[in-house]
């Protein structure tokens, strides 16, 4: 009997593998990227698209569809509501979109906890850069300024908006945040033109691409703050937000707010699928992601492209999504105020 059961199990597993190969063979997977081509949020899914097919039964092709706008809200809504839940459409979205759901923004057409979480290639800590010719050389200068520095952002769930707002809540600074840029690259161009003088975004992007490589060489910007628990070795002169909270004696409520908000960094650059994707296909995608981010060839490619790797699995992101969406009403209320709500 045991031999018969073992044989049946082997046959059923073989049939499952054949079914999945048959499904993906000759198909094309689309990754909907919520920003412009060339942005750091675009570079990671493009790299993954080169490596994941060989780890998916049937070796499907993977293409990128850029759907920029509203800090990737458009892309997230598209994946959640328009894409068929068949495992052929993934989304590469911003990590802080859960802010919008927690604060009940009407534009949200998704439930953060119901996305199928595939994985995240890199945890994202953040920084605030400032044009070096601006009269703000430290947080003290910003706290004491008569006119707030202008920072650019693409939307309220982008780091460019929520990190300066978080500093206002916890460090006593003041920023004039200019919204409406389509993507981070547009903010950087605005900084070069002098329309704005600062931007908050990921450390990964700052060291991954132009114009930041050239900017650093010519001293065009200074880094005034970073969001990690400890200083990044490449930004040894920039204090962390935790050091600054100690310096300015931030209260316990402010520290709790920081903890919830900065969880966005743990989501990093997530890949998701729509709710309803069959569990076996979600598992295939998760396995392909996990194998890809541990592939020596991908890691070598990431190093050449100056893309840091610090991956998290889909199951880890799924647990984190449930955790952040269970934020207490008082924290949500403070987040709503932070994001310019009621």
Protein backbone atom coordinates (compact mmCIF):
# COMPACT_ATOMS: atom_id res chain seq x y z
CA UNK A 1 0.00 0.00 0.00
CA UNK A 2 2.81 2.41 0.92
CA UNK A 3 4.46 1.83 -2.46
CA UNK A 4 1.18 2.51 -4.22
CA UNK A 5 0.66 5.78 -2.30
CA UNK A 6 4.22 6.85 -3.06
CA UNK A 7 3.71 6.10 -6.73
CA UNK A 8 0.46 8.06 -6.78
CA UNK A 9 2.20 11.01 -5.10
CA UNK A 10 4.99 10.96 -7.67
CA UNK A 11 2.48 10.80 -10.49
CA UNK A 12 0.42 13.67 -9.06
CA UNK A 13 3.51 15.83 -8.62
CA UNK A 14 4.53 15.06 -12.16
CA UNK A 15 1.10 16.00 -13.44
CA UNK A 16 1.25 19.25 -11.44
CA UNK A 17 4.64 20.16 -12.91
CA UNK A 18 3.42 19.34 -16.41
CA UNK A 19 0.31 21.48 -15.87
CA UNK A 20 2.33 24.47 -14.76
CA UNK A 21 4.82 24.06 -17.60
CA UNK A 22 1.90 23.82 -20.00
CA UNK A 23 0.37 26.98 -18.57
CA UNK A 24 3.45 29.21 -18.77
CA UNK A 25 4.98 27.75 -21.92
CA UNK A 26 4.67 30.21 -24.79
CA UNK A 27 3.16 32.86 -22.51
CA UNK A 28 4.34 36.38 -21.69
CA UNK A 29 4.41 37.77 -18.15
CA UNK A 30 4.04 41.54 -17.84
CA UNK A 31 5.52 43.50 -14.95
CA UNK A 32 3.59 46.77 -14.58
CA UNK A 33 6.11 49.29 -13.21
CA UNK A 34 4.67 52.33 -11.49
CA UNK A 35 7.30 54.79 -12.65
CA UNK A 36 9.22 55.90 -15.74
CA UNK A 37 11.81 53.76 -17.49
CA UNK A 38 15.25 54.36 -16.00
CA UNK A 39 14.04 55.25 -12.52
CA UNK A 40 15.53 53.11 -9.73
CA UNK A 41 12.11 51.50 -9.17
CA UNK A 42 12.27 50.46 -12.84
CA UNK A 43 15.82 49.08 -12.82
CA UNK A 44 15.14 46.23 -10.39
CA UNK A 45 12.15 44.67 -12.19
CA UNK A 46 13.99 44.97 -15.50
CA UNK A 47 16.91 43.04 -14.04
CA UNK A 48 14.59 40.42 -12.52
CA UNK A 49 12.86 40.06 -15.90
CA UNK A 50 16.18 38.85 -17.32
CA UNK A 51 16.60 36.05 -14.77
CA UNK A 52 13.20 34.90 -13.50
CA UNK A 53 12.06 33.15 -16.73
CA UNK A 54 14.60 30.35 -16.37
CA UNK A 55 13.18 29.52 -12.93
CA UNK A 56 9.53 29.43 -14.09
CA UNK A 57 8.29 26.15 -15.62
CA UNK A 58 7.78 26.71 -19.33
CA UNK A 59 10.29 29.61 -19.43
CA UNK A 60 7.83 32.40 -20.31
CA UNK A 61 8.98 35.73 -21.65
CA UNK A 62 8.81 38.70 -19.25
CA UNK A 63 8.26 42.26 -20.46
CA UNK A 64 8.02 45.62 -18.69
CA UNK A 65 5.08 48.01 -18.97
CA UNK A 66 5.73 51.43 -17.46
CA UNK A 67 2.63 53.07 -15.98
CA UNK A 68 3.94 56.14 -14.12
CA UNK A 69 1.93 58.57 -12.06
CA UNK A 70 0.59 59.32 -8.57
CA UNK A 71 3.51 57.61 -6.83
CA UNK A 72 2.56 54.30 -8.53
CA UNK A 73 -1.08 54.45 -7.37
CA UNK A 74 -2.22 54.11 -11.00
CA UNK A 75 -0.13 50.98 -11.48
CA UNK A 76 -1.26 49.44 -8.17
CA UNK A 77 -4.93 50.00 -8.98
CA UNK A 78 -4.41 48.58 -12.47
CA UNK A 79 -2.79 45.38 -11.21
CA UNK A 80 -5.36 44.91 -8.44
CA UNK A 81 -8.50 45.59 -10.48
CA UNK A 82 -7.77 45.23 -14.20
CA UNK A 83 -5.21 42.48 -14.50
CA UNK A 84 -6.52 38.95 -14.72
CA UNK A 85 -5.62 36.92 -11.62
CA UNK A 86 -3.84 34.30 -13.69
CA UNK A 87 -0.21 34.84 -12.67
CA UNK A 88 0.71 36.63 -15.90
CA UNK A 89 0.71 40.19 -14.54
CA UNK A 90 2.93 41.48 -11.74
CA UNK A 91 3.20 44.98 -10.31
CA UNK A 92 6.32 46.82 -9.20
CA UNK A 93 4.88 49.49 -6.92
CA UNK A 94 5.94 52.00 -4.30
CA UNK A 95 6.30 50.60 -0.78
CA UNK A 96 4.30 53.23 1.10
CA UNK A 97 0.97 52.93 -0.70
CA UNK A 98 -0.47 51.43 2.46
CA UNK A 99 -0.42 54.95 3.90
CA UNK A 100 -3.17 55.86 1.46
CA UNK A 101 -5.31 52.92 2.53
CA UNK A 102 -4.77 53.52 6.25
CA UNK A 103 -5.89 57.11 5.83
CA UNK A 104 -8.85 56.09 3.65
CA UNK A 105 -7.98 58.01 0.50
CA UNK A 106 -10.71 57.61 -2.14
CA UNK A 107 -8.15 56.97 -4.89
CA UNK A 108 -7.25 53.63 -3.29
CA UNK A 109 -8.89 50.77 -5.16
CA UNK A 110 -6.94 47.96 -3.49
CA UNK A 111 -6.56 46.18 -0.17
CA UNK A 112 -2.88 46.08 0.81
CA UNK A 113 -3.29 42.79 2.67
CA UNK A 114 -4.89 41.05 -0.31
CA UNK A 115 -2.13 41.56 -2.85
CA UNK A 116 -0.17 38.42 -3.62
CA UNK A 117 3.34 39.28 -2.42
CA UNK A 118 6.11 37.89 -4.63
CA UNK A 119 9.17 39.46 -3.04
CA UNK A 120 11.36 42.52 -2.61
CA UNK A 121 14.93 42.66 -3.98
CA UNK A 122 16.23 45.35 -1.62
CA UNK A 123 15.33 46.96 1.69
CA UNK A 124 15.23 50.70 1.23
CA UNK A 125 16.61 53.16 3.71
CA UNK A 126 16.32 56.79 2.75
CA UNK A 127 18.16 60.08 2.78
CA UNK A 128 17.49 63.78 2.37
CA UNK A 129 19.79 65.56 -0.04
CA UNK A 130 20.10 69.34 -0.26
CA UNK A 131 21.73 71.51 -2.92
CA UNK A 132 25.08 72.53 -1.48
CA UNK A 133 24.54 76.16 -2.50
CA UNK A 134 21.31 76.35 -0.48
CA UNK A 135 21.54 77.99 2.96
CA UNK A 136 20.75 74.75 4.78
CA UNK A 137 23.78 72.78 5.91
CA UNK A 138 22.18 70.89 8.81
CA UNK A 139 18.86 70.14 10.49
CA UNK A 140 19.55 73.04 12.84
CA UNK A 141 19.60 75.37 9.84
CA UNK A 142 16.24 74.01 8.65
CA UNK A 143 14.71 74.23 12.13
CA UNK A 144 15.82 77.86 12.47
CA UNK A 145 15.10 79.04 8.91
CA UNK A 146 12.67 81.89 8.31
CA UNK A 147 11.69 80.39 4.94
CA UNK A 148 11.34 76.63 4.56
CA UNK A 149 13.40 74.84 1.88
CA UNK A 150 11.44 73.60 -1.14
CA UNK A 151 11.57 69.84 -1.67
CA UNK A 152 10.10 68.04 -4.69
CA UNK A 153 7.93 64.90 -4.66
CA UNK A 154 5.81 62.86 -7.06
CA UNK A 155 2.96 62.12 -4.66
CA UNK A 156 2.09 61.87 -0.99
CA UNK A 157 3.11 58.22 -0.73
CA UNK A 158 6.52 58.87 -2.27
CA UNK A 159 9.48 59.20 0.07
CA UNK A 160 9.90 62.71 -1.25
CA UNK A 161 6.72 63.72 0.56
CA UNK A 162 6.32 61.55 3.62
CA UNK A 163 9.89 61.65 4.91
CA UNK A 164 10.09 65.47 5.15
CA UNK A 165 6.62 65.42 6.73
CA UNK A 166 7.82 62.82 9.23
CA UNK A 167 10.76 65.06 10.09
CA UNK A 168 8.37 67.93 10.65
CA UNK A 169 6.38 65.79 13.09
CA UNK A 170 9.37 64.48 15.01
CA UNK A 171 12.31 66.87 14.59
CA UNK A 172 10.70 70.32 14.51
CA UNK A 173 11.76 71.10 10.95
CA UNK A 174 9.66 72.78 8.27
CA UNK A 175 9.62 72.01 4.54
CA UNK A 176 7.73 73.47 1.58
CA UNK A 177 6.91 70.32 -0.42
CA UNK A 178 6.14 70.76 -4.12
CA UNK A 179 4.00 67.87 -5.40
CA UNK A 180 3.00 66.74 -8.89
CA UNK A 181 6.24 65.59 -10.49
CA UNK A 182 5.60 62.45 -12.53
CA UNK A 183 8.64 60.55 -11.28
CA UNK A 184 11.78 60.95 -9.22
CA UNK A 185 13.84 61.83 -12.29
CA UNK A 186 11.63 64.88 -12.80
CA UNK A 187 12.32 66.02 -9.23
CA UNK A 188 16.05 65.70 -9.82
CA UNK A 189 15.77 67.82 -12.97
CA UNK A 190 13.83 70.41 -10.97
CA UNK A 191 16.66 70.46 -8.42
CA UNK A 192 19.19 71.06 -11.21
CA UNK A 193 17.03 73.90 -12.55
CA UNK A 194 16.70 75.40 -9.08
CA UNK A 195 12.92 75.03 -8.86
CA UNK A 196 13.41 73.05 -5.64
CA UNK A 197 16.53 72.47 -3.55
CA UNK A 198 15.98 69.11 -1.87
CA UNK A 199 14.56 65.64 -2.21
CA UNK A 200 14.11 62.64 0.07
CA UNK A 201 14.47 59.23 -1.59
CA UNK A 202 16.31 55.91 -1.29
CA UNK A 203 19.99 55.50 -0.51
CA UNK A 204 20.03 52.68 -3.06
CA UNK A 205 19.06 55.00 -5.89
CA UNK A 206 21.50 57.66 -4.71
CA UNK A 207 24.42 55.29 -5.24
CA UNK A 208 22.99 53.44 -8.24
CA UNK A 209 22.77 55.90 -11.06
CA UNK A 210 23.18 59.34 -12.58
CA UNK A 211 22.87 62.20 -11.96
CA UNK A 212 23.90 61.35 -8.40
CA UNK A 213 27.28 59.86 -9.29
CA UNK A 214 28.26 63.10 -11.02
CA UNK A 215 26.60 65.22 -8.35
CA UNK A 216 28.70 63.61 -5.64
CA UNK A 217 31.90 64.09 -7.61
CA UNK A 218 31.33 67.81 -7.97
CA UNK A 219 29.77 68.39 -4.56
CA UNK A 220 26.45 69.53 -5.98
CA UNK A 221 24.46 68.23 -2.99
CA UNK A 222 24.91 67.44 0.69
CA UNK A 223 23.19 64.65 2.62
CA UNK A 224 21.56 65.98 5.78
CA UNK A 225 19.78 62.89 7.15
CA UNK A 226 19.35 59.13 6.66
CA UNK A 227 16.58 56.87 7.91
CA UNK A 228 18.38 53.66 8.89
CA UNK A 229 18.91 52.48 12.45
CA UNK A 230 22.65 53.02 11.92
CA UNK A 231 24.66 55.15 9.54
CA UNK A 232 25.36 53.78 6.08
CA UNK A 233 29.13 53.47 5.68
CA UNK A 234 28.96 55.62 2.54
CA UNK A 235 27.13 58.39 4.41
CA UNK A 236 29.19 58.44 7.58
CA UNK A 237 28.75 62.20 8.10
CA UNK A 238 24.93 62.20 7.78
CA UNK A 239 23.06 61.63 11.08
CA UNK A 240 20.26 59.09 11.29
CA UNK A 241 16.72 60.16 12.12
CA UNK A 242 17.11 58.23 15.37
CA UNK A 243 20.20 60.25 16.32
CA UNK A 244 18.30 63.42 15.50
CA UNK A 245 15.31 62.32 17.59
CA UNK A 246 17.69 61.82 20.52
CA UNK A 247 19.20 65.25 19.91
CA UNK A 248 15.85 67.04 19.73
CA UNK A 249 14.22 64.90 22.45
CA UNK A 250 11.38 63.47 20.36
CA UNK A 251 8.58 62.05 22.54
CA UNK A 252 7.38 58.42 22.62
CA UNK A 253 4.39 59.10 20.38
CA UNK A 254 6.65 60.55 17.71
CA UNK A 255 8.97 57.58 17.92
CA UNK A 256 6.03 55.19 17.45
CA UNK A 257 4.97 57.10 14.38
CA UNK A 258 8.48 56.83 12.95
CA UNK A 259 8.47 53.06 13.47
CA UNK A 260 5.22 52.54 11.56
CA UNK A 261 6.05 54.94 8.75
CA UNK A 262 9.56 53.65 8.18
CA UNK A 263 8.24 50.11 7.77
CA UNK A 264 7.80 51.23 4.16
CA UNK A 265 11.54 50.74 3.84
CA UNK A 266 11.11 47.05 4.63
CA UNK A 267 8.69 46.69 1.70
CA UNK A 268 11.49 48.21 -0.37
CA UNK A 269 10.70 47.68 -4.06
CA UNK A 270 7.95 45.06 -3.89
CA UNK A 271 6.62 42.82 -6.62
CA UNK A 272 2.95 41.90 -6.27
CA UNK A 273 0.15 40.11 -8.11
CA UNK A 274 -3.60 40.65 -8.00
CA UNK A 275 -5.71 38.86 -5.39
CA UNK A 276 -7.10 35.57 -6.60
CA UNK A 277 -3.99 34.31 -8.36
CA UNK A 278 -4.03 30.54 -7.75
CA UNK A 279 -1.77 29.63 -4.80
CA UNK A 280 0.28 27.22 -6.90
CA UNK A 281 1.12 29.96 -9.43
CA UNK A 282 1.93 32.46 -6.69
CA UNK A 283 4.29 29.87 -5.23
CA UNK A 284 5.95 29.40 -8.62
CA UNK A 285 6.51 33.15 -8.89
CA UNK A 286 7.80 33.37 -5.34
CA UNK A 287 10.17 30.47 -5.90
CA UNK A 288 11.41 32.00 -9.15
CA UNK A 289 11.99 35.31 -7.39
CA UNK A 290 13.86 33.65 -4.49
CA UNK A 291 16.07 31.65 -6.85
CA UNK A 292 16.74 34.70 -9.03
CA UNK A 293 17.88 36.97 -6.19
CA UNK A 294 20.31 34.25 -5.09
CA UNK A 295 21.59 33.55 -8.60
CA UNK A 296 25.33 34.43 -8.78
CA UNK A 297 24.82 35.76 -12.30
CA UNK A 298 22.11 38.15 -11.13
CA UNK A 299 24.22 39.26 -8.18
CA UNK A 300 27.13 39.96 -10.53
CA UNK A 301 24.79 41.92 -12.82
CA UNK A 302 23.46 43.90 -9.86
CA UNK A 303 26.99 44.80 -8.81
CA UNK A 304 27.88 45.98 -12.31
CA UNK A 305 24.73 48.11 -12.42
CA UNK A 306 25.31 49.48 -8.91
CA UNK A 307 22.09 47.93 -7.64
CA UNK A 308 22.21 46.82 -4.04
CA UNK A 309 20.60 43.54 -3.07
CA UNK A 310 18.99 42.84 0.31
CA UNK A 311 15.97 40.69 -0.56
CA UNK A 312 12.88 39.74 1.40
CA UNK A 313 10.57 36.86 0.53
CA UNK A 314 6.93 37.09 -0.45
CA UNK A 315 5.85 35.43 2.79
CA UNK A 316 7.79 38.03 4.83
CA UNK A 317 6.09 40.85 2.95
CA UNK A 318 2.70 39.20 3.41
CA UNK A 319 3.20 39.18 7.20
CA UNK A 320 4.46 42.77 7.19
CA UNK A 321 1.41 43.90 5.19
CA UNK A 322 -0.90 42.50 7.85
CA UNK A 323 1.17 44.12 10.60
CA UNK A 324 1.15 47.65 9.18
CA UNK A 325 -2.54 47.51 8.35
CA UNK A 326 -3.21 46.75 12.02
CA UNK A 327 -1.85 50.16 13.08
CA UNK A 328 -3.73 51.70 16.02
CA UNK A 329 -6.22 54.55 15.41
CA UNK A 330 -4.00 57.14 17.12
CA UNK A 331 -1.04 56.28 14.87
CA UNK A 332 -3.31 56.35 11.82
CA UNK A 333 -4.63 59.75 12.87
CA UNK A 334 -1.10 61.10 13.15
CA UNK A 335 -0.25 59.57 9.78
CA UNK A 336 -3.26 61.27 8.24
CA UNK A 337 -2.10 64.59 9.60
CA UNK A 338 1.40 63.86 8.37
CA UNK A 339 0.10 63.15 4.88
CA UNK A 340 -1.93 66.31 4.72
CA UNK A 341 -5.30 64.78 5.55
CA UNK A 342 -7.87 65.87 8.08
